[in-house]
Amino acid sequence: MEKKNRGVLPISKILAAIDGSKPSMRALDMAISLAKLMKEMELDIILVVPYPVQYITGENPTGDMTLLERLTTLKEKGESILNQAKDYAISNGVMNVNIFLRQGDPAKEILELAKDKNPDLIVIGNRRRGFIKGVFLGSVSQRVAANSECAVLVVK
């Protein structure tokens, strides 16, 4: 590495994956902190609305909402969380912020957006499900880190 390039952050675009949980908001804070290091830094924020249980199983355990109503409610909540995250990033000095709402498998959707947007870094929270749940279910952060083509920062 040439001497003149040492100490220069080789990041110009960050993808932050959030879901409204405390770990994901800590990941957003980390992404904002990194994005503020350079004026031209681009911060993309994604929230993936997972399919409701009844979409996958065909059952409606609560019986209170139709599938379409539940999806609409989840999307509206996702949009609200994303807009708040964007406003929060801008209020903290990051001006180049884009938001993306996707639906489906969170890890898959994050990785697909990463392929499209080509970030230098993905920042994602870790819910700490524990070893047993992690082994059987796998975590989104584990799957993103294992399959990403760029660096991944998992924030606890």
N, C-alpha and C. Protein backbone atom coordinates (compact mmCIF):
# COMPACT_ATOMS: atom_id res chain seq x y z
N MET A 1 0.84 -1.17 0.00
CA MET A 1 0.00 0.00 0.00
C MET A 1 0.89 1.24 0.00
N GLU A 2 0.54 2.18 -0.86
CA GLU A 2 1.32 3.41 -0.91
C GLU A 2 1.08 4.22 0.35
N LYS A 3 2.10 4.96 0.73
CA LYS A 3 2.02 5.73 1.96
C LYS A 3 0.90 6.76 1.94
N LYS A 4 0.67 7.40 0.78
CA LYS A 4 -0.34 8.44 0.72
C LYS A 4 -1.77 7.90 0.93
N ASN A 5 -1.98 6.59 0.76
CA ASN A 5 -3.30 6.01 0.94
C ASN A 5 -3.53 5.48 2.35
N ARG A 6 -2.53 5.45 3.16
CA ARG A 6 -2.70 4.95 4.52
C ARG A 6 -3.58 5.91 5.33
N GLY A 7 -4.43 5.34 6.11
CA GLY A 7 -5.28 6.15 6.97
C GLY A 7 -6.51 6.71 6.27
N VAL A 8 -6.65 6.43 4.97
CA VAL A 8 -7.81 6.89 4.24
C VAL A 8 -8.87 5.79 4.28
N LEU A 9 -10.03 6.16 4.71
CA LEU A 9 -11.11 5.19 4.81
C LEU A 9 -11.54 4.76 3.40
N PRO A 10 -11.38 3.49 3.05
CA PRO A 10 -11.70 3.05 1.69
C PRO A 10 -13.20 2.74 1.52
N ILE A 11 -14.03 3.58 2.10
CA ILE A 11 -15.46 3.35 2.05
C ILE A 11 -16.14 4.60 1.50
N SER A 12 -16.97 4.41 0.49
CA SER A 12 -17.72 5.56 -0.04
C SER A 12 -19.23 5.31 0.02
N LYS A 13 -19.62 4.05 0.26
CA LYS A 13 -21.05 3.71 0.32
C LYS A 13 -21.27 2.65 1.39
N ILE A 14 -22.25 2.92 2.26
CA ILE A 14 -22.59 2.01 3.35
C ILE A 14 -24.04 1.60 3.20
N LEU A 15 -24.31 0.32 3.42
CA LEU A 15 -25.68 -0.19 3.47
C LEU A 15 -25.96 -0.61 4.91
N ALA A 16 -26.94 0.05 5.53
CA ALA A 16 -27.34 -0.29 6.89
C ALA A 16 -28.67 -1.04 6.83
N ALA A 17 -28.71 -2.22 7.44
CA ALA A 17 -29.93 -3.02 7.49
C ALA A 17 -30.57 -2.85 8.86
N ILE A 18 -31.83 -2.42 8.87
CA ILE A 18 -32.53 -2.19 10.13
C ILE A 18 -33.86 -2.94 10.13
N ASP A 19 -34.40 -3.12 11.34
CA ASP A 19 -35.74 -3.71 11.46
C ASP A 19 -36.54 -3.07 12.59
N GLY A 20 -35.98 -2.01 13.18
CA GLY A 20 -36.66 -1.33 14.27
C GLY A 20 -36.26 -1.82 15.64
N SER A 21 -35.52 -2.92 15.73
CA SER A 21 -35.08 -3.44 17.02
C SER A 21 -33.92 -2.60 17.57
N LYS A 22 -33.66 -2.74 18.86
CA LYS A 22 -32.54 -2.00 19.47
C LYS A 22 -31.20 -2.34 18.81
N PRO A 23 -30.90 -3.64 18.56
CA PRO A 23 -29.62 -3.93 17.89
C PRO A 23 -29.50 -3.28 16.51
N SER A 24 -30.61 -3.23 15.78
CA SER A 24 -30.53 -2.63 14.45
C SER A 24 -30.37 -1.11 14.54
N MET A 25 -30.92 -0.50 15.57
CA MET A 25 -30.75 0.94 15.75
C MET A 25 -29.30 1.27 16.17
N ARG A 26 -28.68 0.35 16.92
CA ARG A 26 -27.25 0.54 17.23
C ARG A 26 -26.43 0.41 15.95
N ALA A 27 -26.83 -0.48 15.07
CA ALA A 27 -26.15 -0.63 13.78
C ALA A 27 -26.32 0.65 12.96
N LEU A 28 -27.50 1.23 12.99
CA LEU A 28 -27.73 2.50 12.28
C LEU A 28 -26.84 3.60 12.85
N ASP A 29 -26.74 3.66 14.17
CA ASP A 29 -25.84 4.65 14.79
C ASP A 29 -24.40 4.47 14.33
N MET A 30 -23.95 3.23 14.24
CA MET A 30 -22.59 2.95 13.77
C MET A 30 -22.44 3.38 12.32
N ALA A 31 -23.41 3.07 11.48
CA ALA A 31 -23.36 3.44 10.07
C ALA A 31 -23.33 4.96 9.91
N ILE A 32 -24.10 5.65 10.72
CA ILE A 32 -24.12 7.12 10.68
C ILE A 32 -22.76 7.66 11.10
N SER A 33 -22.19 7.11 12.16
CA SER A 33 -20.86 7.55 12.62
C SER A 33 -19.82 7.39 11.52
N LEU A 34 -19.86 6.28 10.82
CA LEU A 34 -18.92 6.05 9.73
C LEU A 34 -19.21 6.96 8.54
N ALA A 35 -20.47 7.15 8.24
CA ALA A 35 -20.85 7.99 7.08
C ALA A 35 -20.46 9.45 7.29
N LYS A 36 -20.41 9.89 8.53
CA LYS A 36 -20.05 11.28 8.80
C LYS A 36 -18.56 11.54 8.61
N LEU A 37 -17.76 10.51 8.44
CA LEU A 37 -16.32 10.69 8.27
C LEU A 37 -15.95 11.37 6.95
N MET A 38 -16.81 11.20 5.95
CA MET A 38 -16.55 11.81 4.64
C MET A 38 -17.84 12.45 4.14
N LYS A 39 -17.74 13.68 3.62
CA LYS A 39 -18.93 14.40 3.17
C LYS A 39 -19.70 13.68 2.07
N GLU A 40 -18.99 13.06 1.15
CA GLU A 40 -19.63 12.44 0.00
C GLU A 40 -20.14 11.02 0.27
N MET A 41 -19.99 10.55 1.48
CA MET A 41 -20.39 9.18 1.82
C MET A 41 -21.88 8.99 1.58
N GLU A 42 -22.23 7.89 0.93
CA GLU A 42 -23.63 7.57 0.68
C GLU A 42 -24.07 6.51 1.68
N LEU A 43 -25.22 6.74 2.28
CA LEU A 43 -25.78 5.80 3.24
C LEU A 43 -27.12 5.29 2.72
N ASP A 44 -27.18 4.01 2.43
CA ASP A 44 -28.41 3.36 2.04
C ASP A 44 -28.93 2.59 3.24
N ILE A 45 -30.22 2.73 3.50
CA ILE A 45 -30.84 2.04 4.64
C ILE A 45 -31.94 1.13 4.10
N ILE A 46 -31.89 -0.13 4.49
CA ILE A 46 -32.90 -1.10 4.05
C ILE A 46 -33.64 -1.67 5.25
N LEU A 47 -34.93 -1.85 5.06
CA LEU A 47 -35.76 -2.57 6.02
C LEU A 47 -36.53 -3.60 5.21
N VAL A 48 -36.46 -4.84 5.65
CA VAL A 48 -37.16 -5.92 4.96
C VAL A 48 -38.34 -6.37 5.81
N VAL A 49 -39.50 -6.31 5.22
CA VAL A 49 -40.71 -6.79 5.88
C VAL A 49 -40.81 -8.29 5.60
N PRO A 50 -40.67 -9.12 6.63
CA PRO A 50 -40.78 -10.58 6.40
C PRO A 50 -42.24 -10.94 6.15
N TYR A 51 -42.44 -12.03 5.44
CA TYR A 51 -43.80 -12.49 5.21
C TYR A 51 -44.40 -12.95 6.52
N PRO A 52 -45.68 -12.64 6.77
CA PRO A 52 -46.34 -13.12 7.98
C PRO A 52 -46.40 -14.64 8.00
N VAL A 53 -46.54 -15.19 9.18
CA VAL A 53 -46.58 -16.64 9.37
C VAL A 53 -47.66 -17.28 8.50
N GLN A 54 -48.83 -16.66 8.44
CA GLN A 54 -49.91 -17.28 7.69
C GLN A 54 -49.66 -17.30 6.19
N TYR A 55 -48.78 -16.43 5.70
CA TYR A 55 -48.43 -16.47 4.28
C TYR A 55 -47.70 -17.77 3.97
N ILE A 56 -46.85 -18.16 4.90
CA ILE A 56 -46.03 -19.37 4.71
C ILE A 56 -46.83 -20.63 5.03
N THR A 57 -47.60 -20.60 6.12
CA THR A 57 -48.30 -21.80 6.57
C THR A 57 -49.71 -21.92 6.02
N GLY A 58 -50.28 -20.81 5.56
CA GLY A 58 -51.66 -20.83 5.11
C GLY A 58 -52.66 -20.74 6.24
N GLU A 59 -52.16 -20.62 7.47
CA GLU A 59 -53.03 -20.53 8.65
C GLU A 59 -53.16 -19.09 9.09
N ASN A 60 -54.19 -18.81 9.82
CA ASN A 60 -54.39 -17.49 10.41
C ASN A 60 -54.59 -17.68 11.91
N PRO A 61 -53.49 -17.76 12.68
CA PRO A 61 -53.59 -18.12 14.09
C PRO A 61 -54.39 -17.12 14.93
N THR A 62 -54.36 -15.85 14.58
CA THR A 62 -55.08 -14.87 15.39
C THR A 62 -56.48 -14.65 14.88
N GLY A 63 -56.69 -14.82 13.57
CA GLY A 63 -58.01 -14.66 13.00
C GLY A 63 -58.49 -13.22 12.96
N ASP A 64 -57.65 -12.28 13.39
CA ASP A 64 -58.09 -10.88 13.47
C ASP A 64 -57.86 -10.09 12.19
N MET A 65 -56.94 -10.51 11.35
CA MET A 65 -56.66 -9.78 10.13
C MET A 65 -56.51 -10.73 8.96
N THR A 66 -56.88 -10.24 7.81
CA THR A 66 -56.61 -11.02 6.61
C THR A 66 -55.13 -10.89 6.30
N LEU A 67 -54.65 -11.74 5.43
CA LEU A 67 -53.25 -11.70 5.04
C LEU A 67 -52.90 -10.35 4.42
N LEU A 68 -53.76 -9.85 3.55
CA LEU A 68 -53.52 -8.57 2.90
C LEU A 68 -53.46 -7.43 3.91
N GLU A 69 -54.36 -7.45 4.90
CA GLU A 69 -54.36 -6.42 5.95
C GLU A 69 -53.06 -6.48 6.77
N ARG A 70 -52.62 -7.68 7.09
CA ARG A 70 -51.39 -7.84 7.88
C ARG A 70 -50.18 -7.34 7.09
N LEU A 71 -50.11 -7.70 5.80
CA LEU A 71 -49.00 -7.23 4.96
C LEU A 71 -49.00 -5.71 4.85
N THR A 72 -50.18 -5.13 4.67
CA THR A 72 -50.30 -3.67 4.57
C THR A 72 -49.84 -3.01 5.87
N THR A 73 -50.25 -3.56 7.00
CA THR A 73 -49.85 -3.02 8.30
C THR A 73 -48.33 -3.11 8.48
N LEU A 74 -47.75 -4.25 8.12
CA LEU A 74 -46.30 -4.41 8.25
C LEU A 74 -45.55 -3.44 7.34
N LYS A 75 -46.03 -3.25 6.13
CA LYS A 75 -45.39 -2.31 5.20
C LYS A 75 -45.47 -0.88 5.71
N GLU A 76 -46.63 -0.51 6.23
CA GLU A 76 -46.80 0.85 6.77
C GLU A 76 -45.85 1.09 7.94
N LYS A 77 -45.75 0.11 8.82
CA LYS A 77 -44.84 0.23 9.96
C LYS A 77 -43.39 0.31 9.47
N GLY A 78 -43.05 -0.51 8.47
CA GLY A 78 -41.71 -0.48 7.89
C GLY A 78 -41.38 0.87 7.28
N GLU A 79 -42.32 1.44 6.54
CA GLU A 79 -42.11 2.76 5.95
C GLU A 79 -41.89 3.81 7.02
N SER A 80 -42.66 3.73 8.10
CA SER A 80 -42.51 4.67 9.20
C SER A 80 -41.13 4.56 9.84
N ILE A 81 -40.68 3.34 10.09
CA ILE A 81 -39.35 3.14 10.69
C ILE A 81 -38.26 3.66 9.76
N LEU A 82 -38.39 3.39 8.46
CA LEU A 82 -37.40 3.86 7.48
C LEU A 82 -37.36 5.37 7.41
N ASN A 83 -38.52 6.01 7.37
CA ASN A 83 -38.55 7.48 7.30
C ASN A 83 -37.94 8.11 8.55
N GLN A 84 -38.22 7.51 9.71
CA GLN A 84 -37.61 8.00 10.95
C GLN A 84 -36.10 7.82 10.92
N ALA A 85 -35.64 6.69 10.39
CA ALA A 85 -34.20 6.43 10.29
C ALA A 85 -33.53 7.44 9.36
N LYS A 86 -34.18 7.74 8.24
CA LYS A 86 -33.63 8.71 7.29
C LYS A 86 -33.54 10.09 7.94
N ASP A 87 -34.62 10.51 8.60
CA ASP A 87 -34.62 11.81 9.29
C ASP A 87 -33.54 11.86 10.36
N TYR A 88 -33.38 10.77 11.08
CA TYR A 88 -32.36 10.67 12.13
C TYR A 88 -30.96 10.80 11.54
N ALA A 89 -30.70 10.12 10.43
CA ALA A 89 -29.39 10.20 9.78
C ALA A 89 -29.11 11.62 9.29
N ILE A 90 -30.10 12.25 8.67
CA ILE A 90 -29.93 13.62 8.18
C ILE A 90 -29.71 14.58 9.34
N SER A 91 -30.46 14.41 10.42
CA SER A 91 -30.31 15.30 11.58
C SER A 91 -28.94 15.12 12.25
N ASN A 92 -28.29 13.98 11.97
CA ASN A 92 -26.96 13.73 12.52
C ASN A 92 -25.85 14.02 11.52
N GLY A 93 -26.17 14.71 10.44
CA GLY A 93 -25.14 15.19 9.53
C GLY A 93 -24.86 14.37 8.29
N VAL A 94 -25.65 13.34 8.02
CA VAL A 94 -25.46 12.55 6.81
C VAL A 94 -26.50 13.02 5.80
N MET A 95 -26.03 13.62 4.71
CA MET A 95 -26.95 14.24 3.76
C MET A 95 -27.34 13.33 2.60
N ASN A 96 -26.51 12.36 2.27
CA ASN A 96 -26.76 11.50 1.12
C ASN A 96 -27.34 10.17 1.61
N VAL A 97 -28.66 10.17 1.87
CA VAL A 97 -29.33 9.01 2.46
C VAL A 97 -30.44 8.52 1.52
N ASN A 98 -30.45 7.23 1.26
CA ASN A 98 -31.50 6.59 0.47
C ASN A 98 -32.12 5.48 1.31
N ILE A 99 -33.43 5.29 1.17
CA ILE A 99 -34.09 4.23 1.93
C ILE A 99 -34.76 3.25 0.97
N PHE A 100 -34.81 1.98 1.42
CA PHE A 100 -35.36 0.91 0.61
C PHE A 100 -36.22 0.01 1.49
N LEU A 101 -37.46 -0.20 1.08
CA LEU A 101 -38.35 -1.12 1.76
C LEU A 101 -38.53 -2.33 0.84
N ARG A 102 -38.20 -3.49 1.35
CA ARG A 102 -38.33 -4.73 0.60
C ARG A 102 -39.20 -5.69 1.39
N GLN A 103 -39.66 -6.72 0.71
CA GLN A 103 -40.46 -7.74 1.38
C GLN A 103 -39.94 -9.11 1.01
N GLY A 104 -39.86 -9.99 2.00
CA GLY A 104 -39.40 -11.34 1.75
C GLY A 104 -38.45 -11.82 2.83
N ASP A 105 -37.51 -12.67 2.45
CA ASP A 105 -36.51 -13.17 3.38
C ASP A 105 -35.48 -12.07 3.62
N PRO A 106 -35.31 -11.62 4.87
CA PRO A 106 -34.43 -10.48 5.14
C PRO A 106 -33.00 -10.64 4.60
N ALA A 107 -32.35 -11.75 4.88
CA ALA A 107 -30.96 -11.93 4.42
C ALA A 107 -30.88 -11.88 2.89
N LYS A 108 -31.79 -12.57 2.24
CA LYS A 108 -31.79 -12.60 0.78
C LYS A 108 -32.01 -11.21 0.19
N GLU A 109 -32.94 -10.47 0.73
CA GLU A 109 -33.24 -9.13 0.21
C GLU A 109 -32.09 -8.16 0.47
N ILE A 110 -31.45 -8.26 1.62
CA ILE A 110 -30.29 -7.41 1.93
C ILE A 110 -29.16 -7.69 0.94
N LEU A 111 -28.91 -8.97 0.71
CA LEU A 111 -27.84 -9.36 -0.21
C LEU A 111 -28.15 -8.96 -1.65
N GLU A 112 -29.42 -9.04 -2.05
CA GLU A 112 -29.79 -8.62 -3.41
C GLU A 112 -29.61 -7.12 -3.59
N LEU A 113 -30.00 -6.33 -2.59
CA LEU A 113 -29.80 -4.89 -2.68
C LEU A 113 -28.32 -4.57 -2.70
N ALA A 114 -27.54 -5.30 -1.91
CA ALA A 114 -26.10 -5.09 -1.89
C ALA A 114 -25.49 -5.34 -3.28
N LYS A 115 -25.98 -6.36 -3.97
CA LYS A 115 -25.48 -6.61 -5.33
C LYS A 115 -25.84 -5.46 -6.26
N ASP A 116 -27.05 -4.92 -6.11
CA ASP A 116 -27.49 -3.82 -6.97
C ASP A 116 -26.76 -2.51 -6.66
N LYS A 117 -26.60 -2.20 -5.38
CA LYS A 117 -26.04 -0.91 -4.97
C LYS A 117 -24.52 -0.93 -4.79
N ASN A 118 -23.95 -2.11 -4.68
CA ASN A 118 -22.50 -2.28 -4.55
C ASN A 118 -21.88 -1.44 -3.42
N PRO A 119 -22.33 -1.64 -2.17
CA PRO A 119 -21.73 -0.89 -1.06
C PRO A 119 -20.35 -1.43 -0.73
N ASP A 120 -19.57 -0.60 -0.05
CA ASP A 120 -18.26 -1.03 0.44
C ASP A 120 -18.39 -1.76 1.77
N LEU A 121 -19.50 -1.50 2.47
CA LEU A 121 -19.69 -2.07 3.81
C LEU A 121 -21.18 -2.23 4.08
N ILE A 122 -21.55 -3.36 4.67
CA ILE A 122 -22.90 -3.57 5.17
C ILE A 122 -22.80 -3.53 6.69
N VAL A 123 -23.66 -2.74 7.32
CA VAL A 123 -23.71 -2.66 8.78
C VAL A 123 -25.05 -3.23 9.21
N ILE A 124 -25.00 -4.21 10.11
CA ILE A 124 -26.22 -4.92 10.52
C ILE A 124 -26.14 -5.25 12.00
N GLY A 125 -27.29 -5.25 12.67
CA GLY A 125 -27.34 -5.60 14.08
C GLY A 125 -27.44 -7.10 14.29
N ASN A 126 -27.18 -7.51 15.51
CA ASN A 126 -27.26 -8.92 15.89
C ASN A 126 -28.21 -9.03 17.06
N ARG A 127 -29.25 -9.83 16.91
CA ARG A 127 -30.27 -9.96 17.96
C ARG A 127 -29.88 -10.90 19.08
N ARG A 128 -28.78 -11.60 18.94
CA ARG A 128 -28.30 -12.53 19.97
C ARG A 128 -29.35 -13.58 20.31
N ARG A 129 -29.75 -14.32 19.33
CA ARG A 129 -30.76 -15.36 19.54
C ARG A 129 -30.25 -16.50 20.40
N GLY A 130 -28.97 -16.63 20.48
CA GLY A 130 -28.42 -17.74 21.23
C GLY A 130 -27.95 -18.83 20.31
N PHE A 131 -27.14 -19.71 20.84
CA PHE A 131 -26.49 -20.74 20.03
C PHE A 131 -27.50 -21.70 19.41
N ILE A 132 -28.42 -22.22 20.21
CA ILE A 132 -29.36 -23.24 19.71
C ILE A 132 -30.25 -22.67 18.61
N LYS A 133 -30.87 -21.52 18.86
CA LYS A 133 -31.72 -20.91 17.84
C LYS A 133 -30.89 -20.55 16.61
N GLY A 134 -29.68 -20.08 16.83
CA GLY A 134 -28.81 -19.72 15.71
C GLY A 134 -28.47 -20.91 14.84
N VAL A 135 -28.25 -22.06 15.48
CA VAL A 135 -27.92 -23.27 14.72
C VAL A 135 -29.11 -23.73 13.89
N PHE A 136 -30.29 -23.74 14.49
CA PHE A 136 -31.46 -24.26 13.78
C PHE A 136 -32.10 -23.25 12.85
N LEU A 137 -32.16 -22.00 13.25
CA LEU A 137 -32.82 -20.99 12.45
C LEU A 137 -31.84 -20.19 11.60
N GLY A 138 -30.62 -20.04 12.09
CA GLY A 138 -29.67 -19.17 11.43
C GLY A 138 -30.09 -17.74 11.68
N SER A 139 -29.14 -16.85 11.80
CA SER A 139 -29.52 -15.45 12.00
C SER A 139 -29.31 -14.70 10.69
N VAL A 140 -30.03 -13.61 10.56
CA VAL A 140 -29.90 -12.79 9.36
C VAL A 140 -28.47 -12.28 9.25
N SER A 141 -27.91 -11.80 10.36
CA SER A 141 -26.55 -11.26 10.31
C SER A 141 -25.53 -12.33 9.92
N GLN A 142 -25.71 -13.56 10.42
CA GLN A 142 -24.80 -14.65 10.04
C GLN A 142 -24.88 -14.95 8.55
N ARG A 143 -26.10 -15.01 8.03
CA ARG A 143 -26.28 -15.32 6.62
C ARG A 143 -25.76 -14.21 5.72
N VAL A 144 -25.97 -12.96 6.13
CA VAL A 144 -25.46 -11.83 5.34
C VAL A 144 -23.94 -11.85 5.35
N ALA A 145 -23.34 -12.02 6.53
CA ALA A 145 -21.88 -12.03 6.63
C ALA A 145 -21.27 -13.17 5.83
N ALA A 146 -21.91 -14.33 5.85
CA ALA A 146 -21.36 -15.50 5.15
C ALA A 146 -21.47 -15.38 3.63
N ASN A 147 -22.45 -14.65 3.13
CA ASN A 147 -22.72 -14.63 1.70
C ASN A 147 -22.49 -13.28 1.02
N SER A 148 -22.06 -12.29 1.76
CA SER A 148 -21.85 -10.97 1.19
C SER A 148 -20.56 -10.91 0.37
N GLU A 149 -20.60 -10.10 -0.68
CA GLU A 149 -19.41 -9.88 -1.50
C GLU A 149 -18.58 -8.70 -1.00
N CYS A 150 -19.08 -7.98 0.02
CA CYS A 150 -18.33 -6.87 0.60
C CYS A 150 -18.17 -7.10 2.10
N ALA A 151 -17.47 -6.20 2.74
CA ALA A 151 -17.25 -6.31 4.18
C ALA A 151 -18.59 -6.14 4.93
N VAL A 152 -18.71 -6.85 6.05
CA VAL A 152 -19.91 -6.77 6.87
C VAL A 152 -19.48 -6.47 8.31
N LEU A 153 -20.12 -5.45 8.89
CA LEU A 153 -19.88 -5.11 10.29
C LEU A 153 -21.13 -5.49 11.06
N VAL A 154 -20.99 -6.45 11.98
CA VAL A 154 -22.10 -6.88 12.81
C VAL A 154 -21.98 -6.16 14.15
N VAL A 155 -23.02 -5.40 14.48
CA VAL A 155 -23.02 -4.58 15.69
C VAL A 155 -23.87 -5.25 16.75
N LYS A 156 -23.28 -5.40 17.95
CA LYS A 156 -24.03 -6.01 19.06
C LYS A 156 -24.60 -4.94 19.95
